C-alpha atoms as a PDB file:
ATOM      1  CA  MET A   1       0.000   0.000   0.000  1.00  0.00           C
ATOM      2  CA  PHE A   2       1.410   3.376  -1.010  1.00  0.00           C
ATOM      3  CA  ASN A   3       1.446   5.737   1.953  1.00  0.00           C
ATOM      4  CA  PRO A   4       2.673   9.238   0.947  1.00  0.00           C
ATOM      5  CA  PHE A   5       2.827  10.446   4.549  1.00  0.00           C
ATOM      6  CA  ARG A   6       5.323   7.748   5.463  1.00  0.00           C
ATOM      7  CA  TYR A   7       7.656   8.809   2.654  1.00  0.00           C
ATOM      8  CA  ILE A   8       7.366  12.456   3.727  1.00  0.00           C
ATOM      9  CA  ALA A   9       8.233  11.423   7.284  1.00  0.00           C
ATOM     10  CA  ASP A  10      11.217   9.356   6.110  1.00  0.00           C
ATOM     11  CA  PHE A  11      12.465  12.295   4.032  1.00  0.00           C
ATOM     12  CA  LEU A  12      12.146  14.689   6.984  1.00  0.00           C
ATOM     13  CA  HIS A  13      14.073  12.237   9.151  1.00  0.00           C
ATOM     14  CA  LEU A  14      16.918  12.235   6.641  1.00  0.00           C
ATOM     15  CA  VAL A  15      16.747  16.029   6.449  1.00  0.00           C
ATOM     16  CA  SER A  16      17.228  16.198  10.231  1.00  0.00           C
ATOM     17  CA  PHE A  17      20.478  14.216   9.892  1.00  0.00           C
ATOM     18  CA  LEU A  18      21.705  16.508   7.124  1.00  0.00           C
ATOM     19  CA  ILE A  19      20.840  19.633   9.115  1.00  0.00           C
ATOM     20  CA  LEU A  20      22.764  18.342  12.121  1.00  0.00           C
ATOM     21  CA  ILE A  21      25.837  17.401  10.075  1.00  0.00           C
ATOM     22  CA  LEU A  22      25.673  20.804   8.340  1.00  0.00           C
ATOM     23  CA  LYS A  23      25.469  22.555  11.711  1.00  0.00           C
ATOM     24  CA  ILE A  24      28.584  20.804  13.002  1.00  0.00           C
ATOM     25  CA  ARG A  25      30.603  21.280   9.819  1.00  0.00           C
ATOM     26  CA  LYS A  26      29.515  24.872   9.159  1.00  0.00           C
ATOM     27  CA  THR A  27      29.967  26.229  12.683  1.00  0.00           C
ATOM     28  CA  ARG A  28      32.931  23.917  13.399  1.00  0.00           C
ATOM     29  CA  ASN A  29      31.476  23.081  16.781  1.00  0.00           C
ATOM     30  CA  CYS A  30      28.788  20.962  18.409  1.00  0.00           C
ATOM     31  CA  LEU A  31      27.633  23.470  21.004  1.00  0.00           C
ATOM     32  CA  GLY A  32      24.069  22.860  22.138  1.00  0.00           C
ATOM     33  CA  LEU A  33      23.993  19.282  20.859  1.00  0.00           C
ATOM     34  CA  SER A  34      23.418  16.288  23.091  1.00  0.00           C
ATOM     35  CA  PHE A  35      25.741  13.357  22.521  1.00  0.00           C
ATOM     36  CA  ARG A  36      23.493  11.266  24.776  1.00  0.00           C
ATOM     37  CA  THR A  37      20.556  11.734  22.411  1.00  0.00           C
ATOM     38  CA  GLN A  38      22.697  10.608  19.463  1.00  0.00           C
ATOM     39  CA  GLU A  39      23.882   7.583  21.441  1.00  0.00           C
ATOM     40  CA  ILE A  40      20.266   6.611  22.142  1.00  0.00           C
ATOM     41  CA  TYR A  41      19.320   7.025  18.466  1.00  0.00           C
ATOM     42  CA  LEU A  42      22.136   4.678  17.474  1.00  0.00           C
ATOM     43  CA  ALA A  43      20.821   2.123  19.976  1.00  0.00           C
ATOM     44  CA  VAL A  44      17.330   2.576  18.482  1.00  0.00           C
ATOM     45  CA  PHE A  45      18.482   1.827  14.937  1.00  0.00           C
ATOM     46  CA  CYS A  46      20.751  -1.082  15.904  1.00  0.00           C
ATOM     47  CA  VAL A  47      17.955  -2.784  17.858  1.00  0.00           C
ATOM     48  CA  ARG A  48      15.205  -2.049  15.329  1.00  0.00           C
ATOM     49  CA  TYR A  49      17.208  -2.996  12.249  1.00  0.00           C
ATOM     50  CA  ILE A  50      18.863  -6.118  13.630  1.00  0.00           C
ATOM     51  CA  ASP A  51      17.093  -7.985  10.815  1.00  0.00           C
ATOM     52  CA  LEU A  52      18.874  -5.871   8.187  1.00  0.00           C
ATOM     53  CA  PHE A  53      20.913  -8.740   6.760  1.00  0.00           C
ATOM     54  CA  MET A  54      18.422 -11.499   7.571  1.00  0.00           C
ATOM     55  CA  TYR A  55      15.865 -10.812   4.865  1.00  0.00           C
ATOM     56  CA  PHE A  56      15.301  -8.356   2.042  1.00  0.00           C
ATOM     57  CA  VAL A  57      12.171  -6.199   1.773  1.00  0.00           C
ATOM     58  CA  SER A  58      13.084  -3.612  -0.856  1.00  0.00           C
ATOM     59  CA  VAL A  59      15.957  -1.430  -2.013  1.00  0.00           C
ATOM     60  CA  TYR A  60      14.243   1.562  -0.416  1.00  0.00           C
ATOM     61  CA  ASN A  61      13.838  -0.199   2.932  1.00  0.00           C
ATOM     62  CA  THR A  62      17.446  -1.405   3.075  1.00  0.00           C
ATOM     63  CA  SER A  63      18.836   1.941   1.881  1.00  0.00           C
ATOM     64  CA  MET A  64      16.940   3.937   4.503  1.00  0.00           C
ATOM     65  CA  LYS A  65      18.066   1.638   7.307  1.00  0.00           C
ATOM     66  CA  LEU A  66      21.699   1.907   6.247  1.00  0.00           C
ATOM     67  CA  LEU A  67      21.426   5.688   5.895  1.00  0.00           C
ATOM     68  CA  TYR A  68      19.928   6.079   9.377  1.00  0.00           C
ATOM     69  CA  ILE A  69      22.645   3.969  10.986  1.00  0.00           C
ATOM     70  CA  SER A  70      25.583   5.422   9.035  1.00  0.00           C
ATOM     71  CA  SER A  71      24.415   9.033   9.496  1.00  0.00           C
ATOM     72  CA  THR A  72      24.104   8.580  13.241  1.00  0.00           C
ATOM     73  CA  VAL A  73      27.514   6.893  13.477  1.00  0.00           C
ATOM     74  CA  PHE A  74      29.040   9.793  11.517  1.00  0.00           C
ATOM     75  CA  ILE A  75      27.422  12.374  13.808  1.00  0.00           C
ATOM     76  CA  ILE A  76      28.728  10.521  16.872  1.00  0.00           C
ATOM     77  CA  TYR A  77      32.189  10.413  15.307  1.00  0.00           C
ATOM     78  CA  LEU A  78      32.141  14.184  14.704  1.00  0.00           C
ATOM     79  CA  MET A  79      30.905  14.987  18.203  1.00  0.00           C
ATOM     80  CA  LYS A  80      33.136  12.635  20.161  1.00  0.00           C
ATOM     81  CA  PHE A  81      36.319  12.068  18.170  1.00  0.00           C
ATOM     82  CA  LYS A  82      36.820  14.502  15.263  1.00  0.00           C
ATOM     83  CA  LYS A  83      38.759  17.679  16.028  1.00  0.00           C
ATOM     84  CA  PRO A  84      38.011  20.550  16.256  1.00  0.00           C
ATOM     85  CA  TYR A  85      34.300  19.684  16.566  1.00  0.00           C
ATOM     86  CA  CYS A  86      34.639  17.352  19.547  1.00  0.00           C
ATOM     87  CA  LEU A  87      36.549  19.975  21.563  1.00  0.00           C
ATOM     88  CA  SER A  88      33.394  22.083  21.864  1.00  0.00           C
ATOM     89  CA  TYR A  89      31.146  19.319  23.199  1.00  0.00           C
ATOM     90  CA  ASP A  90      29.546  20.581  26.426  1.00  0.00           C
ATOM     91  CA  SER A  91      29.425  17.469  28.594  1.00  0.00           C
ATOM     92  CA  ALA A  92      28.570  19.524  31.693  1.00  0.00           C
ATOM     93  CA  SER A  93      25.233  20.624  30.178  1.00  0.00           C
ATOM     94  CA  ASP A  94      24.579  17.222  28.626  1.00  0.00           C
ATOM     95  CA  ASP A  95      23.948  15.586  31.981  1.00  0.00           C
ATOM     96  CA  PHE A  96      20.491  14.014  31.779  1.00  0.00           C
ATOM     97  CA  PRO A  97      20.644  10.577  33.499  1.00  0.00           C
ATOM     98  CA  HIS A  98      19.697   8.669  30.339  1.00  0.00           C
ATOM     99  CA  TYR A  99      20.771   5.214  31.510  1.00  0.00           C
ATOM    100  CA  LYS A 100      18.561   5.484  34.561  1.00  0.00           C
ATOM    101  CA  PHE A 101      15.467   6.968  32.945  1.00  0.00           C
ATOM    102  CA  ILE A 102      15.557   6.512  29.141  1.00  0.00           C
ATOM    103  CA  TYR A 103      16.861   2.966  28.690  1.00  0.00           C
ATOM    104  CA  THR A 104      15.038   1.659  31.772  1.00  0.00           C
ATOM    105  CA  GLY A 105      11.833   3.586  31.049  1.00  0.00           C
ATOM    106  CA  ALA A 106      11.683   2.305  27.468  1.00  0.00           C
ATOM    107  CA  ALA A 107      12.115  -1.277  28.693  1.00  0.00           C
ATOM    108  CA  VAL A 108       9.266  -0.899  31.174  1.00  0.00           C
ATOM    109  CA  LEU A 109       6.955   0.623  28.557  1.00  0.00           C
ATOM    110  CA  ALA A 110       7.829  -2.114  26.039  1.00  0.00           C
ATOM    111  CA  LEU A 111       6.875  -4.800  28.544  1.00  0.00           C
ATOM    112  CA  LEU A 112       3.678  -3.042  29.588  1.00  0.00           C
ATOM    113  CA  VAL A 113       2.302  -2.155  26.144  1.00  0.00           C
ATOM    114  CA  HIS A 114       3.562  -4.926  23.867  1.00  0.00           C
ATOM    115  CA  THR A 115       1.885  -8.275  24.491  1.00  0.00           C
ATOM    116  CA  ASP A 116       4.089 -10.364  22.165  1.00  0.00           C
ATOM    117  CA  LEU A 117       7.188 -11.349  24.164  1.00  0.00           C
ATOM    118  CA  ALA A 118       9.016 -12.954  21.232  1.00  0.00           C
ATOM    119  CA  PRO A 119      12.593 -11.571  21.192  1.00  0.00           C
ATOM    120  CA  PHE A 120      12.366  -9.775  17.837  1.00  0.00           C
ATOM    121  CA  GLU A 121       8.927  -8.318  18.570  1.00  0.00           C
ATOM    122  CA  LEU A 122       9.943  -7.186  22.047  1.00  0.00           C
ATOM    123  CA  GLY A 123      13.157  -5.674  20.662  1.00  0.00           C
ATOM    124  CA  TRP A 124      11.177  -3.763  18.044  1.00  0.00           C
ATOM    125  CA  SER A 125       8.791  -2.457  20.730  1.00  0.00           C
ATOM    126  CA  TYR A 126      11.751  -1.432  22.883  1.00  0.00           C
ATOM    127  CA  SER A 127      13.214   0.538  19.969  1.00  0.00           C
ATOM    128  CA  ILE A 128       9.909   2.396  19.476  1.00  0.00           C
ATOM    129  CA  TRP A 129       9.790   3.547  23.092  1.00  0.00           C
ATOM    130  CA  LEU A 130      13.513   4.264  23.135  1.00  0.00           C
ATOM    131  CA  GLU A 131      13.073   6.555  20.135  1.00  0.00           C
ATOM    132  CA  ALA A 132      10.056   8.208  21.747  1.00  0.00           C
ATOM    133  CA  LEU A 133      12.194   9.203  24.741  1.00  0.00           C
ATOM    134  CA  ALA A 134      15.508   9.801  22.924  1.00  0.00           C
ATOM    135  CA  ILE A 135      14.999  13.548  22.486  1.00  0.00           C
ATOM    136  CA  ILE A 136      14.734  14.198  26.248  1.00  0.00           C
ATOM    137  CA  PRO A 137      18.511  14.718  26.821  1.00  0.00           C
ATOM    138  CA  GLN A 138      18.600  17.123  23.859  1.00  0.00           C
ATOM    139  CA  LEU A 139      15.601  19.109  25.107  1.00  0.00           C
ATOM    140  CA  HIS A 140      17.049  19.091  28.631  1.00  0.00           C
ATOM    141  CA  MET A 141      20.276  20.561  27.273  1.00  0.00           C
ATOM    142  CA  LEU A 142      18.482  23.238  25.234  1.00  0.00           C
ATOM    143  CA  GLN A 143      16.457  24.272  28.280  1.00  0.00           C
ATOM    144  CA  LYS A 144      19.747  24.864  30.083  1.00  0.00           C
ATOM    145  CA  ILE A 145      21.353  27.022  27.420  1.00  0.00           C
ATOM    146  CA  LYS A 146      18.069  28.876  26.599  1.00  0.00           C
ATOM    147  CA  ASP A 147      19.237  30.633  23.412  1.00  0.00           C
ATOM    148  CA  VAL A 148      19.373  28.091  20.582  1.00  0.00           C
ATOM    149  CA  GLU A 149      21.263  28.426  17.288  1.00  0.00           C
ATOM    150  CA  ASN A 150      18.996  28.529  14.220  1.00  0.00           C
ATOM    151  CA  ILE A 151      20.525  25.383  12.704  1.00  0.00           C
ATOM    152  CA  THR A 152      20.098  23.451  15.958  1.00  0.00           C
ATOM    153  CA  SER A 153      16.472  24.555  16.260  1.00  0.00           C
ATOM    154  CA  ASN A 154      15.851  23.519  12.641  1.00  0.00           C
ATOM    155  CA  TYR A 155      17.266  20.070  13.429  1.00  0.00           C
ATOM    156  CA  VAL A 156      14.972  19.505  16.415  1.00  0.00           C
ATOM    157  CA  GLY A 157      12.064  21.057  14.513  1.00  0.00           C
ATOM    158  CA  ALA A 158      12.570  18.634  11.605  1.00  0.00           C
ATOM    159  CA  LEU A 159      12.508  15.721  14.054  1.00  0.00           C
ATOM    160  CA  GLY A 160       9.266  16.961  15.591  1.00  0.00           C
ATOM    161  CA  VAL A 161       7.547  17.391  12.222  1.00  0.00           C
ATOM    162  CA  TYR A 162       8.853  13.987  11.107  1.00  0.00           C
ATOM    163  CA  ARG A 163       7.110  12.302  14.041  1.00  0.00           C
ATOM    164  CA  PHE A 164       3.918  14.259  13.334  1.00  0.00           C
ATOM    165  CA  PHE A 165       3.830  12.946   9.768  1.00  0.00           C
ATOM    166  CA  TYR A 166       4.353   9.412  11.010  1.00  0.00           C
ATOM    167  CA  ILE A 167       1.250   9.752  13.158  1.00  0.00           C
ATOM    168  CA  VAL A 168      -0.634  11.063  10.120  1.00  0.00           C
ATOM    169  CA  SER A 169       0.619   8.053   8.133  1.00  0.00           C
ATOM    170  CA  TRP A 170      -0.730   5.678  10.781  1.00  0.00           C
ATOM    171  CA  ILE A 171      -4.125   7.431  10.716  1.00  0.00           C
ATOM    172  CA  TYR A 172      -4.099   7.222   6.918  1.00  0.00           C
ATOM    173  CA  LYS A 173      -3.281   3.500   7.055  1.00  0.00           C
ATOM    174  CA  TYR A 174      -6.049   2.907   9.592  1.00  0.00           C
ATOM    175  CA  SER A 175      -8.576   4.711   7.368  1.00  0.00           C
ATOM    176  CA  LEU A 176      -7.746   2.298   4.530  1.00  0.00           C
ATOM    177  CA  THR A 177      -7.180  -0.997   6.317  1.00  0.00           C
ATOM    178  CA  GLY A 178      -8.612  -0.652   9.820  1.00  0.00           C
ATOM    179  CA  ASP A 179      -5.297  -1.895  11.220  1.00  0.00           C
ATOM    180  CA  VAL A 180      -3.669  -0.085  14.131  1.00  0.00           C
ATOM    181  CA  CYS A 181      -0.411  -0.791  15.957  1.00  0.00           C
ATOM    182  CA  TRP A 182      -0.839   0.585  19.450  1.00  0.00           C
ATOM    183  CA  THR A 183       2.874   0.467  20.234  1.00  0.00           C
ATOM    184  CA  SER A 184       3.738   2.654  17.232  1.00  0.00           C
ATOM    185  CA  LEU A 185       0.778   4.978  17.738  1.00  0.00           C
ATOM    186  CA  LEU A 186       1.256   5.518  21.467  1.00  0.00           C
ATOM    187  CA  GLY A 187       5.029   5.839  21.094  1.00  0.00           C
ATOM    188  CA  GLY A 188       4.560   8.435  18.368  1.00  0.00           C
ATOM    189  CA  ILE A 189       2.067  10.395  20.470  1.00  0.00           C
ATOM    190  CA  VAL A 190       4.401  10.401  23.482  1.00  0.00           C
ATOM    191  CA  GLN A 191       7.259  11.601  21.287  1.00  0.00           C
ATOM    192  CA  THR A 192       5.158  14.357  19.709  1.00  0.00           C
ATOM    193  CA  VAL A 193       4.000  15.544  23.142  1.00  0.00           C
ATOM    194  CA  LEU A 194       7.638  15.798  24.240  1.00  0.00           C
ATOM    195  CA  TYR A 195       8.314  18.052  21.249  1.00  0.00           C
ATOM    196  CA  ALA A 196       5.227  20.226  21.798  1.00  0.00           C
ATOM    197  CA  ASP A 197       6.821  22.922  23.976  1.00  0.00           C
ATOM    198  CA  PHE A 198       9.869  23.210  21.733  1.00  0.00           C
ATOM    199  CA  LEU A 199       7.739  23.376  18.565  1.00  0.00           C
ATOM    200  CA  TYR A 200       5.654  26.155  20.117  1.00  0.00           C
ATOM    201  CA  TYR A 201       8.720  28.363  20.610  1.00  0.00           C
ATOM    202  CA  TYR A 202      10.147  27.219  17.280  1.00  0.00           C
ATOM    203  CA  ILE A 203       7.053  28.394  15.368  1.00  0.00           C
ATOM    204  CA  ILE A 204       7.119  31.711  17.238  1.00  0.00           C
ATOM    205  CA  SER A 205      10.782  32.221  16.287  1.00  0.00           C
ATOM    206  CA  LEU A 206      10.010  31.473  12.624  1.00  0.00           C
ATOM    207  CA  LYS A 207       7.178  33.983  12.583  1.00  0.00           C
ATOM    208  CA  SER A 208       9.214  36.688  14.306  1.00  0.00           C
ATOM    209  CA  GLY A 209      12.390  36.046  12.331  1.00  0.00           C
ATOM    210  CA  LYS A 210      14.376  36.075  15.570  1.00  0.00           C
ATOM    211  CA  GLY A 211      16.541  33.401  17.157  1.00  0.00           C
ATOM    212  CA  LEU A 212      14.851  30.759  19.290  1.00  0.00           C
ATOM    213  CA  SER A 213      14.825  31.239  23.056  1.00  0.00           C
ATOM    214  CA  LEU A 214      13.234  28.632  25.295  1.00  0.00           C
ATOM    215  CA  GLY A 215      11.207  29.315  28.397  1.00  0.00           C
ATOM    216  CA  VAL A 216      10.888  33.074  27.886  1.00  0.00           C
END
């Protein structure tokens, strides 16, 4: 079934990677970016796409999976190892206790919501909830620094809109088939809610033409 909203969402997800890489390369720093969020995203993709070399769905499917993983690995490399970018990483502000709350919280939600305890199904559910919560360290960091660079705000904004279009794609699919995946739907809603405050200030900054400031 052709679902245009899914392809829009996939494209926006790729755009978010490109914006982030552009931000790091253009400004020659990674100020305001959370390494912990990128680490969680890599865990999301590795868990979700563990079947990458087990069976083939389509060229598009395989290409997107490889692009998501490789883009995230490249971003992590720039932020943690590549000079001069890594020298500007603000570890003091990137201090959200992600092991305690994100990884553990996603595991609890996966067990509570997903009824199929088969390893692959449970792993997929875990990746959905992990992705839903992955942006928390980044938002926590932005709340600390208040004034956000335009490129950084565009990156987070693209992620928020990407999740919105995925919800629209699920509604579209339900209208055609009557099928609904509660794990995907609820995870997407939780993720969109987490973005809501940021997107509010982001839209205001776009309308005013000024830089984004959070909590003011």
